[in-house]
Amino acid sequence: AKNGIVTLMGTVDAYFKKIEAESAAKNVDGVKAVVEE
């Protein structure tokens, strides 16, 4: 995290997990943008 921009990294074994991780990050107070890697 830097200046409200959150970057998610790593490897998952299903596409829906990628979506759920992004959704969880967006719902956190203070997050202005999500970079999904």
All heavy atoms as atom14 arrays in JSON, in Angstrom:
{
  "sequence": "AKNGIVTLMGTVDAYFKKIEAESAAKNVDGVKAVVEE",
  "atom14_mask": [
    [1, 1, 1, 1, 1, 0, 0, 0, 0, 0, 0, 0, 0, 0],
    [1, 1, 1, 1, 1, 1, 1, 1, 1, 0, 0, 0, 0, 0],
    [1, 1, 1, 1, 1, 1, 1, 1, 0, 0, 0, 0, 0, 0],
    [1, 1, 1, 1, 0, 0, 0, 0, 0, 0, 0, 0, 0, 0],
    [1, 1, 1, 1, 1, 1, 1, 1, 0, 0, 0, 0, 0, 0],
    [1, 1, 1, 1, 1, 1, 1, 0, 0, 0, 0, 0, 0, 0],
    [1, 1, 1, 1, 1, 1, 1, 0, 0, 0, 0, 0, 0, 0],
    [1, 1, 1, 1, 1, 1, 1, 1, 0, 0, 0, 0, 0, 0],
    [1, 1, 1, 1, 1, 1, 1, 1, 0, 0, 0, 0, 0, 0],
    [1, 1, 1, 1, 0, 0, 0, 0, 0, 0, 0, 0, 0, 0],
    [1, 1, 1, 1, 1, 1, 1, 0, 0, 0, 0, 0, 0, 0],
    [1, 1, 1, 1, 1, 1, 1, 0, 0, 0, 0, 0, 0, 0],
    [1, 1, 1, 1, 1, 1, 1, 1, 0, 0, 0, 0, 0, 0],
    [1, 1, 1, 1, 1, 0, 0, 0, 0, 0, 0, 0, 0, 0],
    [1, 1, 1, 1, 1, 1, 1, 1, 1, 1, 1, 1, 0, 0],
    [1, 1, 1, 1, 1, 1, 1, 1, 1, 1, 1, 0, 0, 0],
    [1, 1, 1, 1, 1, 1, 1, 1, 1, 0, 0, 0, 0, 0],
    [1, 1, 1, 1, 1, 1, 1, 1, 1, 0, 0, 0, 0, 0],
    [1, 1, 1, 1, 1, 1, 1, 1, 0, 0, 0, 0, 0, 0],
    [1, 1, 1, 1, 1, 1, 1, 1, 1, 0, 0, 0, 0, 0],
    [1, 1, 1, 1, 1, 0, 0, 0, 0, 0, 0, 0, 0, 0],
    [1, 1, 1, 1, 1, 1, 1, 1, 1, 0, 0, 0, 0, 0],
    [1, 1, 1, 1, 1, 1, 0, 0, 0, 0, 0, 0, 0, 0],
    [1, 1, 1, 1, 1, 0, 0, 0, 0, 0, 0, 0, 0, 0],
    [1, 1, 1, 1, 1, 0, 0, 0, 0, 0, 0, 0, 0, 0],
    [1, 1, 1, 1, 1, 1, 1, 1, 1, 0, 0, 0, 0, 0],
    [1, 1, 1, 1, 1, 1, 1, 1, 0, 0, 0, 0, 0, 0],
    [1, 1, 1, 1, 1, 1, 1, 0, 0, 0, 0, 0, 0, 0],
    [1, 1, 1, 1, 1, 1, 1, 1, 0, 0, 0, 0, 0, 0],
    [1, 1, 1, 1, 0, 0, 0, 0, 0, 0, 0, 0, 0, 0],
    [1, 1, 1, 1, 1, 1, 1, 0, 0, 0, 0, 0, 0, 0],
    [1, 1, 1, 1, 1, 1, 1, 1, 1, 0, 0, 0, 0, 0],
    [1, 1, 1, 1, 1, 0, 0, 0, 0, 0, 0, 0, 0, 0],
    [1, 1, 1, 1, 1, 1, 1, 0, 0, 0, 0, 0, 0, 0],
    [1, 1, 1, 1, 1, 1, 1, 0, 0, 0, 0, 0, 0, 0],
    [1, 1, 1, 1, 1, 1, 1, 1, 1, 0, 0, 0, 0, 0],
    [1, 1, 1, 1, 1, 1, 1, 1, 1, 0, 0, 0, 0, 0]
  ],
  "atom14_positions": [
    [[0.84, -1.2, 0.0], [0.0, 0.0, 0.0], [0.87, 1.24, 0.0], [1.87, 1.31, 0.72], [-0.92, 0.0, 1.22], [0.0, 0.0, 0.0], [0.0, 0.0, 0.0], [0.0, 0.0, 0.0], [0.0, 0.0, 0.0], [0.0, 0.0, 0.0], [0.0, 0.0, 0.0], [0.0, 0.0, 0.0], [0.0, 0.0, 0.0], [0.0, 0.0, 0.0]],
    [[0.48, 2.21, -0.83], [1.2, 3.48, -0.88], [0.24, 4.59, -1.3], [-0.34, 4.53, -2.38], [2.38, 3.41, -1.85], [3.26, 4.66, -1.82], [4.49, 4.5, -2.68], [5.39, 5.73, -2.6], [6.6, 5.58, -3.44], [0.0, 0.0, 0.0], [0.0, 0.0, 0.0], [0.0, 0.0, 0.0], [0.0, 0.0, 0.0], [0.0, 0.0, 0.0]],
    [[0.06, 5.56, -0.43], [-0.79, 6.72, -0.71], [-2.21, 6.33, -1.13], [-2.8, 6.93, -2.03], [-0.16, 7.6, -1.79], [1.2, 8.14, -1.39], [1.44, 8.44, -0.21], [2.1, 8.25, -2.35], [0.0, 0.0, 0.0], [0.0, 0.0, 0.0], [0.0, 0.0, 0.0], [0.0, 0.0, 0.0], [0.0, 0.0, 0.0], [0.0, 0.0, 0.0]],
    [[-2.75, 5.31, -0.5], [-4.11, 4.88, -0.79], [-4.25, 3.91, -1.94], [-5.33, 3.4, -2.2], [0.0, 0.0, 0.0], [0.0, 0.0, 0.0], [0.0, 0.0, 0.0], [0.0, 0.0, 0.0], [0.0, 0.0, 0.0], [0.0, 0.0, 0.0], [0.0, 0.0, 0.0], [0.0, 0.0, 0.0], [0.0, 0.0, 0.0], [0.0, 0.0, 0.0]],
    [[-3.14, 3.64, -2.64], [-3.16, 2.69, -3.76], [-2.67, 1.33, -3.26], [-1.55, 1.21, -2.77], [-2.29, 3.18, -4.92], [-2.78, 4.53, -5.43], [-2.28, 2.15, -6.05], [-1.91, 5.14, -6.5], [0.0, 0.0, 0.0], [0.0, 0.0, 0.0], [0.0, 0.0, 0.0], [0.0, 0.0, 0.0], [0.0, 0.0, 0.0], [0.0, 0.0, 0.0]],
    [[-3.52, 0.33, -3.39], [-3.2, -1.01, -2.92], [-2.89, -1.91, -4.1], [-3.63, -1.94, -5.09], [-4.38, -1.6, -2.12], [-4.18, -3.08, -1.85], [-4.56, -0.85, -0.81], [0.0, 0.0, 0.0], [0.0, 0.0, 0.0], [0.0, 0.0, 0.0], [0.0, 0.0, 0.0], [0.0, 0.0, 0.0], [0.0, 0.0, 0.0], [0.0, 0.0, 0.0]],
    [[-1.78, -2.64, -4.01], [-1.4, -3.59, -5.05], [-1.53, -5.0, -4.5], [-1.02, -5.31, -3.42], [0.05, -3.35, -5.52], [0.17, -2.02, -6.03], [0.43, -4.33, -6.62], [0.0, 0.0, 0.0], [0.0, 0.0, 0.0], [0.0, 0.0, 0.0], [0.0, 0.0, 0.0], [0.0, 0.0, 0.0], [0.0, 0.0, 0.0], [0.0, 0.0, 0.0]],
    [[-2.23, -5.86, -5.24], [-2.4, -7.26, -4.87], [-1.54, -8.12, -5.78], [-1.6, -7.98, -7.01], [-3.88, -7.67, -5.0], [-4.9, -6.84, -4.23], [-6.3, -7.35, -4.51], [-4.6, -6.85, -2.74], [0.0, 0.0, 0.0], [0.0, 0.0, 0.0], [0.0, 0.0, 0.0], [0.0, 0.0, 0.0], [0.0, 0.0, 0.0], [0.0, 0.0, 0.0]],
    [[-0.76, -9.01, -5.2], [0.15, -9.86, -5.97], [0.01, -11.31, -5.51], [-0.51, -11.57, -4.43], [1.6, -9.41, -5.77], [1.86, -7.95, -6.13], [3.41, -7.35, -5.4], [2.96, -7.28, -3.67], [0.0, 0.0, 0.0], [0.0, 0.0, 0.0], [0.0, 0.0, 0.0], [0.0, 0.0, 0.0], [0.0, 0.0, 0.0], [0.0, 0.0, 0.0]],
    [[0.5, -12.22, -6.35], [0.5, -13.62, -5.96], [-0.13, -14.51, -7.0], [-0.39, -14.1, -8.13], [0.0, 0.0, 0.0], [0.0, 0.0, 0.0], [0.0, 0.0, 0.0], [0.0, 0.0, 0.0], [0.0, 0.0, 0.0], [0.0, 0.0, 0.0], [0.0, 0.0, 0.0], [0.0, 0.0, 0.0], [0.0, 0.0, 0.0], [0.0, 0.0, 0.0]],
    [[-0.39, -15.75, -6.6], [-0.96, -16.75, -7.5], [-2.08, -17.49, -6.8], [-1.94, -17.9, -5.65], [0.12, -17.77, -7.93], [1.21, -17.08, -8.55], [-0.44, -18.78, -8.91], [0.0, 0.0, 0.0], [0.0, 0.0, 0.0], [0.0, 0.0, 0.0], [0.0, 0.0, 0.0], [0.0, 0.0, 0.0], [0.0, 0.0, 0.0], [0.0, 0.0, 0.0]],
    [[-3.21, -17.64, -7.49], [-4.35, -18.39, -6.96], [-4.72, -19.49, -7.94], [-4.33, -19.46, -9.11], [-5.56, -17.47, -6.7], [-5.26, -16.48, -5.58], [-5.97, -16.73, -7.97], [0.0, 0.0, 0.0], [0.0, 0.0, 0.0], [0.0, 0.0, 0.0], [0.0, 0.0, 0.0], [0.0, 0.0, 0.0], [0.0, 0.0, 0.0], [0.0, 0.0, 0.0]],
    [[-5.49, -20.46, -7.45], [-5.82, -21.63, -8.29], [-7.23, -21.58, -8.86], [-7.75, -22.6, -9.32], [-5.6, -22.92, -7.5], [-6.47, -22.99, -6.24], [-7.24, -22.03, -6.0], [-6.37, -23.99, -5.52], [0.0, 0.0, 0.0], [0.0, 0.0, 0.0], [0.0, 0.0, 0.0], [0.0, 0.0, 0.0], [0.0, 0.0, 0.0], [0.0, 0.0, 0.0]],
    [[-7.86, -20.38, -8.83], [-9.19, -20.24, -9.42], [-9.45, -18.76, -9.69], [-9.05, -17.9, -8.91], [-10.27, -20.8, -8.49], [0.0, 0.0, 0.0], [0.0, 0.0, 0.0], [0.0, 0.0, 0.0], [0.0, 0.0, 0.0], [0.0, 0.0, 0.0], [0.0, 0.0, 0.0], [0.0, 0.0, 0.0], [0.0, 0.0, 0.0], [0.0, 0.0, 0.0]],
    [[-10.12, -18.48, -10.79], [-10.38, -17.1, -11.19], [-11.24, -16.36, -10.18], [-11.02, -15.18, -9.89], [-11.04, -17.08, -12.57], [-11.49, -15.71, -13.02], [-10.58, -14.69, -13.23], [-12.84, -15.44, -13.22], [-10.99, -13.42, -13.63], [-13.27, -14.19, -13.63], [-12.34, -13.19, -13.83], [-12.74, -11.93, -14.21], [0.0, 0.0, 0.0], [0.0, 0.0, 0.0]],
    [[-12.24, -17.05, -9.6], [-13.14, -16.37, -8.66], [-12.38, -15.87, -7.42], [-12.79, -14.9, -6.79], [-14.29, -17.28, -8.25], [-13.92, -18.39, -7.3], [-13.92, -18.16, -5.93], [-13.61, -19.65, -7.76], [-13.59, -19.17, -5.04], [-13.29, -20.67, -6.88], [-13.27, -20.43, -5.52], [0.0, 0.0, 0.0], [0.0, 0.0, 0.0], [0.0, 0.0, 0.0]],
    [[-11.28, -16.52, -7.07], [-10.48, -16.06, -5.93], [-9.84, -14.7, -6.23], [-9.72, -13.85, -5.35], [-9.41, -17.08, -5.58], [-9.95, -18.38, -5.01], [-8.81, -19.3, -4.58], [-9.35, -20.57, -3.93], [-8.26, -21.46, -3.48], [0.0, 0.0, 0.0], [0.0, 0.0, 0.0], [0.0, 0.0, 0.0], [0.0, 0.0, 0.0], [0.0, 0.0, 0.0]],
    [[-9.44, -14.52, -7.47], [-8.89, -13.24, -7.9], [-9.93, -12.14, -7.75], [-9.63, -11.04, -7.25], [-8.45, -13.38, -9.37], [-7.81, -12.18, -10.0], [-7.33, -12.54, -11.41], [-6.65, -11.37, -12.08], [-6.1, -11.72, -13.4], [0.0, 0.0, 0.0], [0.0, 0.0, 0.0], [0.0, 0.0, 0.0], [0.0, 0.0, 0.0], [0.0, 0.0, 0.0]],
    [[-11.16, -12.42, -8.14], [-12.25, -11.45, -8.03], [-12.54, -11.13, -6.57], [-12.72, -9.97, -6.18], [-13.52, -11.99, -8.72], [-13.28, -12.17, -10.21], [-14.69, -11.05, -8.49], [-14.45, -12.81, -10.93], [0.0, 0.0, 0.0], [0.0, 0.0, 0.0], [0.0, 0.0, 0.0], [0.0, 0.0, 0.0], [0.0, 0.0, 0.0], [0.0, 0.0, 0.0]],
    [[-12.59, -12.16, -5.72], [-12.92, -11.96, -4.32], [-11.84, -11.18, -3.59], [-12.14, -10.38, -2.7], [-13.16, -13.31, -3.64], [-14.44, -13.99, -4.12], [-14.79, -15.22, -3.3], [-14.02, -15.55, -2.37], [-15.82, -15.84, -3.58], [0.0, 0.0, 0.0], [0.0, 0.0, 0.0], [0.0, 0.0, 0.0], [0.0, 0.0, 0.0], [0.0, 0.0, 0.0]],
    [[-10.58, -11.39, -3.95], [-9.5, -10.63, -3.33], [-9.6, -9.16, -3.68], [-9.43, -8.28, -2.83], [-8.15, -11.19, -3.79], [0.0, 0.0, 0.0], [0.0, 0.0, 0.0], [0.0, 0.0, 0.0], [0.0, 0.0, 0.0], [0.0, 0.0, 0.0], [0.0, 0.0, 0.0], [0.0, 0.0, 0.0], [0.0, 0.0, 0.0], [0.0, 0.0, 0.0]],
    [[-9.9, -8.88, -4.94], [-10.06, -7.48, -5.38], [-11.25, -6.83, -4.68], [-11.17, -5.68, -4.24], [-10.25, -7.44, -6.89], [-10.37, -6.04, -7.46], [-10.52, -6.03, -8.97], [-10.23, -7.06, -9.6], [-10.94, -4.99, -9.51], [0.0, 0.0, 0.0], [0.0, 0.0, 0.0], [0.0, 0.0, 0.0], [0.0, 0.0, 0.0], [0.0, 0.0, 0.0]],
    [[-12.35, -7.56, -4.57], [-13.54, -7.03, -3.92], [-13.29, -6.75, -2.44], [-13.71, -5.72, -1.91], [-14.7, -8.03, -4.07], [-15.85, -7.56, -3.42], [0.0, 0.0, 0.0], [0.0, 0.0, 0.0], [0.0, 0.0, 0.0], [0.0, 0.0, 0.0], [0.0, 0.0, 0.0], [0.0, 0.0, 0.0], [0.0, 0.0, 0.0], [0.0, 0.0, 0.0]],
    [[-12.57, -7.66, -1.78], [-12.25, -7.47, -0.37], [-11.41, -6.22, -0.16], [-11.63, -5.45, 0.78], [-11.52, -8.7, 0.17], [0.0, 0.0, 0.0], [0.0, 0.0, 0.0], [0.0, 0.0, 0.0], [0.0, 0.0, 0.0], [0.0, 0.0, 0.0], [0.0, 0.0, 0.0], [0.0, 0.0, 0.0], [0.0, 0.0, 0.0], [0.0, 0.0, 0.0]],
    [[-10.44, -6.0, -1.05], [-9.58, -4.82, -0.93], [-10.37, -3.53, -1.16], [-10.18, -2.54, -0.45], [-8.43, -4.92, -1.94], [0.0, 0.0, 0.0], [0.0, 0.0, 0.0], [0.0, 0.0, 0.0], [0.0, 0.0, 0.0], [0.0, 0.0, 0.0], [0.0, 0.0, 0.0], [0.0, 0.0, 0.0], [0.0, 0.0, 0.0], [0.0, 0.0, 0.0]],
    [[-11.26, -3.53, -2.13], [-12.05, -2.33, -2.44], [-12.94, -1.91, -1.27], [-13.24, -0.73, -1.11], [-12.92, -2.57, -3.68], [-12.18, -2.52, -4.99], [-13.15, -2.68, -6.15], [-12.45, -2.5, -7.49], [-13.4, -2.62, -8.62], [0.0, 0.0, 0.0], [0.0, 0.0, 0.0], [0.0, 0.0, 0.0], [0.0, 0.0, 0.0], [0.0, 0.0, 0.0]],
    [[-13.36, -2.88, -0.47], [-14.27, -2.58, 0.63], [-13.58, -2.04, 1.88], [-14.25, -1.7, 2.85], [-15.07, -3.84, 1.0], [-16.11, -4.18, -0.05], [-16.54, -3.33, -0.82], [-16.52, -5.44, -0.09], [0.0, 0.0, 0.0], [0.0, 0.0, 0.0], [0.0, 0.0, 0.0], [0.0, 0.0, 0.0], [0.0, 0.0, 0.0], [0.0, 0.0, 0.0]],
    [[-12.26, -1.98, 1.85], [-11.52, -1.49, 3.01], [-11.47, 0.03, 2.99], [-11.1, 0.64, 1.97], [-10.08, -2.07, 3.02], [-9.25, -1.43, 4.14], [-10.13, -3.58, 3.2], [0.0, 0.0, 0.0], [0.0, 0.0, 0.0], [0.0, 0.0, 0.0], [0.0, 0.0, 0.0], [0.0, 0.0, 0.0], [0.0, 0.0, 0.0], [0.0, 0.0, 0.0]],
    [[-11.83, 0.64, 4.09], [-11.79, 2.09, 4.2], [-10.36, 2.59, 4.05], [-9.44, 2.06, 4.66], [-12.34, 2.52, 5.57], [-12.4, 4.03, 5.7], [-12.9, 4.68, 4.78], [-11.92, 4.56, 6.73], [0.0, 0.0, 0.0], [0.0, 0.0, 0.0], [0.0, 0.0, 0.0], [0.0, 0.0, 0.0], [0.0, 0.0, 0.0], [0.0, 0.0, 0.0]],
    [[-10.18, 3.59, 3.21], [-8.86, 4.15, 2.97], [-8.26, 3.78, 1.63], [-7.3, 4.39, 1.17], [0.0, 0.0, 0.0], [0.0, 0.0, 0.0], [0.0, 0.0, 0.0], [0.0, 0.0, 0.0], [0.0, 0.0, 0.0], [0.0, 0.0, 0.0], [0.0, 0.0, 0.0], [0.0, 0.0, 0.0], [0.0, 0.0, 0.0], [0.0, 0.0, 0.0]],
    [[-8.85, 2.78, 0.97], [-8.36, 2.34, -0.35], [-8.92, 3.26, -1.43], [-10.12, 3.37, -1.59], [-8.75, 0.87, -0.63], [-8.34, 0.48, -2.05], [-8.11, -0.05, 0.39], [0.0, 0.0, 0.0], [0.0, 0.0, 0.0], [0.0, 0.0, 0.0], [0.0, 0.0, 0.0], [0.0, 0.0, 0.0], [0.0, 0.0, 0.0], [0.0, 0.0, 0.0]],
    [[-8.04, 3.9, -2.17], [-8.46, 4.79, -3.26], [-8.42, 4.1, -4.62], [-9.17, 4.46, -5.53], [-7.55, 6.02, -3.31], [-7.66, 6.93, -2.1], [-6.78, 8.15, -2.27], [-6.91, 9.1, -1.08], [-6.06, 10.32, -1.26], [0.0, 0.0, 0.0], [0.0, 0.0, 0.0], [0.0, 0.0, 0.0], [0.0, 0.0, 0.0], [0.0, 0.0, 0.0]],
    [[-7.53, 3.13, -4.76], [-7.41, 2.41, -6.03], [-6.77, 1.05, -5.76], [-6.02, 0.89, -4.79], [-6.57, 3.2, -7.03], [0.0, 0.0, 0.0], [0.0, 0.0, 0.0], [0.0, 0.0, 0.0], [0.0, 0.0, 0.0], [0.0, 0.0, 0.0], [0.0, 0.0, 0.0], [0.0, 0.0, 0.0], [0.0, 0.0, 0.0], [0.0, 0.0, 0.0]],
    [[-7.08, 0.09, -6.62], [-6.53, -1.26, -6.5], [-5.8, -1.63, -7.78], [-6.37, -1.54, -8.87], [-7.63, -2.31, -6.21], [-7.03, -3.72, -6.21], [-8.3, -2.02, -4.87], [0.0, 0.0, 0.0], [0.0, 0.0, 0.0], [0.0, 0.0, 0.0], [0.0, 0.0, 0.0], [0.0, 0.0, 0.0], [0.0, 0.0, 0.0], [0.0, 0.0, 0.0]],
    [[-4.53, -2.0, -7.65], [-3.74, -2.52, -8.77], [-3.69, -4.03, -8.59], [-3.18, -4.53, -7.58], [-2.31, -1.93, -8.79], [-1.52, -2.53, -9.94], [-2.38, -0.41, -8.9], [0.0, 0.0, 0.0], [0.0, 0.0, 0.0], [0.0, 0.0, 0.0], [0.0, 0.0, 0.0], [0.0, 0.0, 0.0], [0.0, 0.0, 0.0], [0.0, 0.0, 0.0]],
    [[-4.22, -4.75, -9.54], [-4.37, -6.2, -9.38], [-3.37, -6.93, -10.26], [-3.41, -6.84, -11.49], [-5.82, -6.56, -9.73], [-6.24, -7.94, -9.3], [-6.01, -8.89, -10.43], [-6.77, -8.84, -11.39], [-5.04, -9.67, -10.35], [0.0, 0.0, 0.0], [0.0, 0.0, 0.0], [0.0, 0.0, 0.0], [0.0, 0.0, 0.0], [0.0, 0.0, 0.0]],
    [[-2.43, -7.64, -9.62], [-1.38, -8.38, -10.33], [-1.4, -9.85, -9.94], [-0.36, -10.5, -9.86], [-0.01, -7.76, -10.03], [0.12, -6.31, -10.5], [1.48, -5.69, -10.16], [2.26, -6.35, -9.44], [1.74, -4.57, -10.63], [0.0, 0.0, 0.0], [0.0, 0.0, 0.0], [0.0, 0.0, 0.0], [0.0, 0.0, 0.0], [0.0, 0.0, 0.0]]
  ]
}
